[in-house]
């Protein structure tokens, strides 16, 4: 759970790690940060993959695996930098945390972000840069993908055009959800620490909203793609087959990209 009180950001491991001393409190907080960073990063990677498939040279499996490994490794390296950037339990921070009604009794251990530390501030800025940078990539690649698909519409079958529209819709929706459910509260948390503000009950919103992302993404696919929607809800198996052929055609992106002209940066 993440709480901001008195301008100090507290990462609170709960459950069996509620009273675990250093380094376990830092380990849990670092894993949480790494998961948040990776969630945001992978959004941009799916847009980059489709952009390369349609607009440039398609990525091979080793190339994509290397890109994914490099991205995830860098995100977890940044998250585990918290061992050197943030501070552990102190009497002053514990007194601040106990002002929160949820932690007055049985106060858990924590990792604290020092708002006066240059290293902590740099780490917060890095977090904001990750979020903004990924969404800049998403906007750029999405615009290029849409332009490419529009330019090639005349040479597509109606099933392929429909599959592209459905895939575009799913990708955009899956990019918007994390921005609203995860990116916005993270930015608010960073700003709260930088300006030493209170953000009451941030943890009640941030943790459940982040946990909802896999569920929301799955529901999006089940409700937006007609073939999946009809199969899940038991309607129109025969009709679903025609749309499935369109989706199957779309999934052959490498073959489609060869028939499309190159788009330069």
Protein backbone atom coordinates (compact mmCIF):
# COMPACT_ATOMS: atom_id res chain seq x y z
CA UNK A 1 0.00 0.00 0.00
CA UNK A 2 1.23 3.51 -0.79
CA UNK A 3 0.29 6.39 1.49
CA UNK A 4 1.41 10.03 1.53
CA UNK A 5 1.30 11.82 4.86
CA UNK A 6 3.08 15.03 5.74
CA UNK A 7 4.75 15.03 2.33
CA UNK A 8 6.40 11.67 3.05
CA UNK A 9 5.54 8.74 0.79
CA UNK A 10 5.24 5.43 2.66
CA UNK A 11 5.42 2.03 0.96
CA UNK A 12 3.71 -0.34 3.37
CA UNK A 13 4.01 -4.13 2.96
CA UNK A 14 0.94 -5.77 4.42
CA UNK A 15 -0.14 -9.36 5.01
CA UNK A 16 2.63 -11.70 6.18
CA UNK A 17 5.27 -9.02 5.57
CA UNK A 18 3.51 -6.40 7.71
CA UNK A 19 6.19 -6.46 10.40
CA UNK A 20 9.12 -7.77 8.38
CA UNK A 21 12.30 -5.78 9.06
CA UNK A 22 14.89 -4.53 6.58
CA UNK A 23 15.64 -5.73 3.91
CA UNK A 24 12.27 -7.44 3.41
CA UNK A 25 10.26 -4.22 3.63
CA UNK A 26 12.48 -2.72 0.92
CA UNK A 27 12.29 -5.91 -1.15
CA UNK A 28 8.47 -5.89 -1.19
CA UNK A 29 8.36 -2.18 -2.04
CA UNK A 30 10.92 -2.63 -4.83
CA UNK A 31 8.97 -5.52 -6.37
CA UNK A 32 5.81 -3.40 -6.27
CA UNK A 33 7.58 -0.51 -8.01
CA UNK A 34 9.04 -2.88 -10.60
CA UNK A 35 5.58 -4.27 -11.35
CA UNK A 36 4.17 -0.75 -11.80
CA UNK A 37 7.01 0.30 -14.11
CA UNK A 38 6.73 -2.90 -16.16
CA UNK A 39 2.95 -2.54 -16.52
CA UNK A 40 3.41 0.90 -18.06
CA UNK A 41 6.38 -0.15 -20.20
CA UNK A 42 4.65 -3.15 -21.78
CA UNK A 43 1.84 -0.89 -23.01
CA UNK A 44 4.27 0.96 -25.20
CA UNK A 45 5.93 -2.25 -26.35
CA UNK A 46 2.76 -3.68 -27.88
CA UNK A 47 2.34 -0.48 -29.91
CA UNK A 48 5.99 -0.59 -30.99
CA UNK A 49 5.61 -4.22 -32.06
CA UNK A 50 2.57 -3.53 -34.23
CA UNK A 51 4.14 -0.34 -35.59
CA UNK A 52 7.19 -2.31 -36.73
CA UNK A 53 4.99 -5.06 -38.19
CA UNK A 54 2.91 -2.64 -40.26
CA UNK A 55 5.12 0.37 -40.92
CA UNK A 56 8.71 -0.85 -40.87
CA UNK A 57 10.59 -4.16 -40.76
CA UNK A 58 8.73 -6.67 -38.55
CA UNK A 59 10.58 -7.62 -35.38
CA UNK A 60 11.84 -11.18 -35.18
CA UNK A 61 11.16 -13.20 -32.04
CA UNK A 62 14.78 -12.81 -30.79
CA UNK A 63 14.65 -9.04 -31.45
CA UNK A 64 11.39 -8.61 -29.56
CA UNK A 65 12.59 -10.87 -26.74
CA UNK A 66 15.79 -8.83 -26.43
CA UNK A 67 13.84 -5.57 -26.41
CA UNK A 68 11.44 -6.93 -23.80
CA UNK A 69 14.25 -8.27 -21.60
CA UNK A 70 16.18 -4.99 -21.80
CA UNK A 71 13.09 -2.95 -20.94
CA UNK A 72 11.97 -5.10 -18.01
CA UNK A 73 15.52 -5.39 -16.65
CA UNK A 74 15.96 -1.61 -16.71
CA UNK A 75 12.61 -1.11 -14.95
CA UNK A 76 13.48 -3.51 -12.13
CA UNK A 77 16.98 -2.03 -11.87
CA UNK A 78 15.35 1.36 -11.31
CA UNK A 79 12.93 -0.08 -8.77
CA UNK A 80 15.68 -1.83 -6.78
CA UNK A 81 17.60 1.44 -6.67
CA UNK A 82 15.20 2.21 -3.83
CA UNK A 83 17.62 0.35 -1.53
CA UNK A 84 20.07 3.21 -2.07
CA UNK A 85 17.63 6.08 -2.57
CA UNK A 86 14.90 5.79 0.07
CA UNK A 87 15.07 5.43 3.84
CA UNK A 88 13.80 2.86 6.31
CA UNK A 89 11.86 3.08 9.55
CA UNK A 90 12.61 6.11 11.75
CA UNK A 91 10.84 7.40 14.88
CA UNK A 92 9.96 10.67 13.11
CA UNK A 93 8.38 8.92 10.12
CA UNK A 94 6.54 6.46 12.34
CA UNK A 95 4.99 9.35 14.26
CA UNK A 96 3.84 10.91 10.97
CA UNK A 97 2.38 7.61 9.76
CA UNK A 98 0.47 7.10 13.01
CA UNK A 99 -1.44 10.30 12.31
CA UNK A 100 -3.26 8.25 9.65
CA UNK A 101 -6.24 6.58 11.36
CA UNK A 102 -5.62 3.26 9.62
CA UNK A 103 -2.14 2.90 11.13
CA UNK A 104 -2.55 4.23 14.66
CA UNK A 105 -2.69 0.70 16.03
CA UNK A 106 -0.32 -2.07 14.99
CA UNK A 107 1.72 0.24 12.74
CA UNK A 108 3.38 -1.74 9.91
CA UNK A 109 6.98 -1.39 8.76
CA UNK A 110 7.59 0.74 5.68
CA UNK A 111 9.98 2.24 3.18
CA UNK A 112 9.83 6.05 3.15
CA UNK A 113 10.56 8.54 0.39
CA UNK A 114 12.44 11.52 1.85
CA UNK A 115 11.04 14.69 0.18
CA UNK A 116 14.20 16.62 1.09
CA UNK A 117 16.60 14.14 -0.58
CA UNK A 118 17.97 14.96 -4.02
CA UNK A 119 18.25 11.25 -4.83
CA UNK A 120 14.63 10.64 -3.87
CA UNK A 121 13.47 13.59 -5.97
CA UNK A 122 15.47 12.32 -8.94
CA UNK A 123 13.83 8.91 -8.59
CA UNK A 124 10.36 10.49 -8.50
CA UNK A 125 11.15 12.51 -11.62
CA UNK A 126 12.35 9.31 -13.32
CA UNK A 127 9.01 7.68 -12.50
CA UNK A 128 7.11 10.54 -14.11
CA UNK A 129 9.39 10.51 -17.16
CA UNK A 130 8.68 6.79 -17.68
CA UNK A 131 4.93 7.36 -17.73
CA UNK A 132 5.04 10.43 -19.97
CA UNK A 133 7.64 8.85 -22.28
CA UNK A 134 5.65 5.66 -22.80
CA UNK A 135 2.49 7.57 -23.65
CA UNK A 136 4.39 9.77 -26.11
CA UNK A 137 5.51 6.55 -27.84
CA UNK A 138 1.93 5.24 -27.77
CA UNK A 139 0.49 8.39 -29.33
CA UNK A 140 3.19 8.51 -32.03
CA UNK A 141 3.02 4.85 -33.02
CA UNK A 142 -0.80 4.77 -32.87
CA UNK A 143 -1.00 7.71 -35.27
CA UNK A 144 1.43 6.02 -37.68
CA UNK A 145 -0.47 2.72 -37.46
CA UNK A 146 -3.81 4.40 -38.16
CA UNK A 147 -2.36 6.29 -41.13
CA UNK A 148 -0.87 3.10 -42.55
CA UNK A 149 -4.13 1.20 -42.22
CA UNK A 150 -6.12 4.04 -43.81
CA UNK A 151 -3.69 4.23 -46.74
CA UNK A 152 -3.95 0.48 -47.34
CA UNK A 153 -7.72 0.16 -46.85
CA UNK A 154 -8.44 -0.14 -50.58
CA UNK A 155 -6.38 -3.32 -50.84
CA UNK A 156 -7.92 -5.05 -47.82
CA UNK A 157 -10.88 -7.39 -47.61
CA UNK A 158 -13.78 -6.27 -45.45
CA UNK A 159 -12.81 -8.87 -42.84
CA UNK A 160 -9.26 -7.54 -42.62
CA UNK A 161 -10.50 -3.95 -42.35
CA UNK A 162 -12.88 -4.98 -39.61
CA UNK A 163 -10.13 -6.87 -37.78
CA UNK A 164 -7.88 -3.79 -37.90
CA UNK A 165 -10.63 -1.58 -36.48
CA UNK A 166 -11.29 -4.04 -33.68
CA UNK A 167 -7.61 -4.42 -32.84
CA UNK A 168 -7.09 -0.65 -32.90
CA UNK A 169 -10.02 -0.19 -30.53
CA UNK A 170 -8.76 -2.84 -28.11
CA UNK A 171 -5.20 -1.45 -28.08
CA UNK A 172 -6.37 2.12 -27.48
CA UNK A 173 -8.71 1.07 -24.67
CA UNK A 174 -6.00 -1.03 -23.05
CA UNK A 175 -3.67 1.97 -23.20
CA UNK A 176 -6.25 4.32 -21.68
CA UNK A 177 -7.14 2.14 -18.68
CA UNK A 178 -3.65 2.10 -17.09
CA UNK A 179 -3.29 5.82 -17.73
CA UNK A 180 -6.48 6.46 -15.77
CA UNK A 181 -6.28 3.71 -13.15
CA UNK A 182 -2.52 3.65 -12.56
CA UNK A 183 -0.62 6.46 -14.28
CA UNK A 184 -2.74 9.31 -12.91
CA UNK A 185 -2.54 8.30 -9.21
CA UNK A 186 1.20 7.63 -9.55
CA UNK A 187 1.74 11.12 -10.97
CA UNK A 188 -0.41 12.58 -8.18
CA UNK A 189 1.67 10.69 -5.62
CA UNK A 190 4.94 11.98 -7.08
CA UNK A 191 3.66 15.56 -7.15
CA UNK A 192 2.38 15.19 -3.58
CA UNK A 193 5.85 14.22 -2.35
CA UNK A 194 7.66 16.85 -4.42
CA UNK A 195 5.42 19.62 -3.03
CA UNK A 196 5.12 17.99 0.42
CA UNK A 197 1.36 17.62 0.32
CA UNK A 198 -0.99 15.14 1.95
CA UNK A 199 -2.80 12.73 -0.38
CA UNK A 200 -5.41 11.18 1.94
CA UNK A 201 -6.28 7.50 1.43
CA UNK A 202 -4.22 7.17 -1.74
CA UNK A 203 -3.60 3.51 -0.99
CA UNK A 204 -7.30 2.69 -1.02
CA UNK A 205 -7.47 3.83 -4.66
CA UNK A 206 -4.04 2.96 -6.08
CA UNK A 207 -3.69 -0.68 -5.06
CA UNK A 208 -7.21 -1.88 -6.02
CA UNK A 209 -7.09 0.06 -9.30
CA UNK A 210 -3.75 -1.51 -10.23
CA UNK A 211 -5.13 -4.95 -9.35
CA UNK A 212 -8.12 -4.37 -11.63
CA UNK A 213 -6.02 -3.87 -14.77
CA UNK A 214 -5.74 -7.55 -15.82
CA UNK A 215 -9.48 -8.00 -15.25
CA UNK A 216 -10.39 -4.87 -17.20
CA UNK A 217 -8.12 -5.84 -20.10
CA UNK A 218 -9.66 -9.31 -20.31
CA UNK A 219 -13.19 -7.87 -20.22
CA UNK A 220 -12.25 -5.45 -22.99
CA UNK A 221 -11.16 -8.27 -25.29
CA UNK A 222 -14.27 -10.33 -24.48
CA UNK A 223 -16.67 -7.46 -25.14
CA UNK A 224 -15.04 -5.59 -28.04
CA UNK A 225 -13.99 -8.47 -30.35
CA UNK A 226 -17.29 -9.80 -31.79
CA UNK A 227 -16.12 -13.38 -32.31
CA UNK A 228 -14.96 -13.68 -28.69
CA UNK A 229 -18.00 -11.82 -27.36
CA UNK A 230 -20.42 -14.12 -29.17
CA UNK A 231 -18.63 -17.24 -28.02
CA UNK A 232 -18.40 -16.11 -24.40
CA UNK A 233 -22.05 -15.10 -24.25
CA UNK A 234 -23.22 -17.99 -26.41
CA UNK A 235 -24.59 -16.02 -29.36
CA UNK A 236 -24.14 -16.56 -33.09
CA UNK A 237 -21.51 -19.26 -33.42
CA UNK A 238 -22.07 -19.25 -37.15
CA UNK A 239 -21.73 -15.47 -37.42
CA UNK A 240 -18.66 -15.55 -35.19
CA UNK A 241 -16.84 -17.66 -37.75
CA UNK A 242 -16.81 -14.90 -40.35
CA UNK A 243 -15.38 -12.37 -37.93
CA UNK A 244 -12.85 -14.89 -36.70
CA UNK A 245 -11.53 -15.22 -40.23
CA UNK A 246 -11.01 -11.47 -40.23
CA UNK A 247 -9.18 -11.57 -36.94
CA UNK A 248 -7.09 -14.49 -38.19
CA UNK A 249 -6.16 -12.46 -41.26
CA UNK A 250 -5.13 -9.54 -39.07
CA UNK A 251 -2.92 -11.73 -36.92
CA UNK A 252 -0.81 -12.49 -39.99
CA UNK A 253 0.74 -9.06 -39.68
CA UNK A 254 4.04 -10.01 -41.25
CA UNK A 255 2.38 -11.07 -44.51
CA UNK A 256 0.24 -7.93 -44.53
CA UNK A 257 3.20 -5.66 -43.86
CA UNK A 258 5.04 -7.01 -46.90
CA UNK A 259 2.18 -5.86 -49.13
CA UNK A 260 2.15 -2.34 -47.67
CA UNK A 261 4.53 0.44 -48.71
CA UNK A 262 7.21 1.56 -46.29
CA UNK A 263 6.56 4.57 -44.09
CA UNK A 264 9.53 6.72 -43.19
CA UNK A 265 9.97 8.51 -39.89
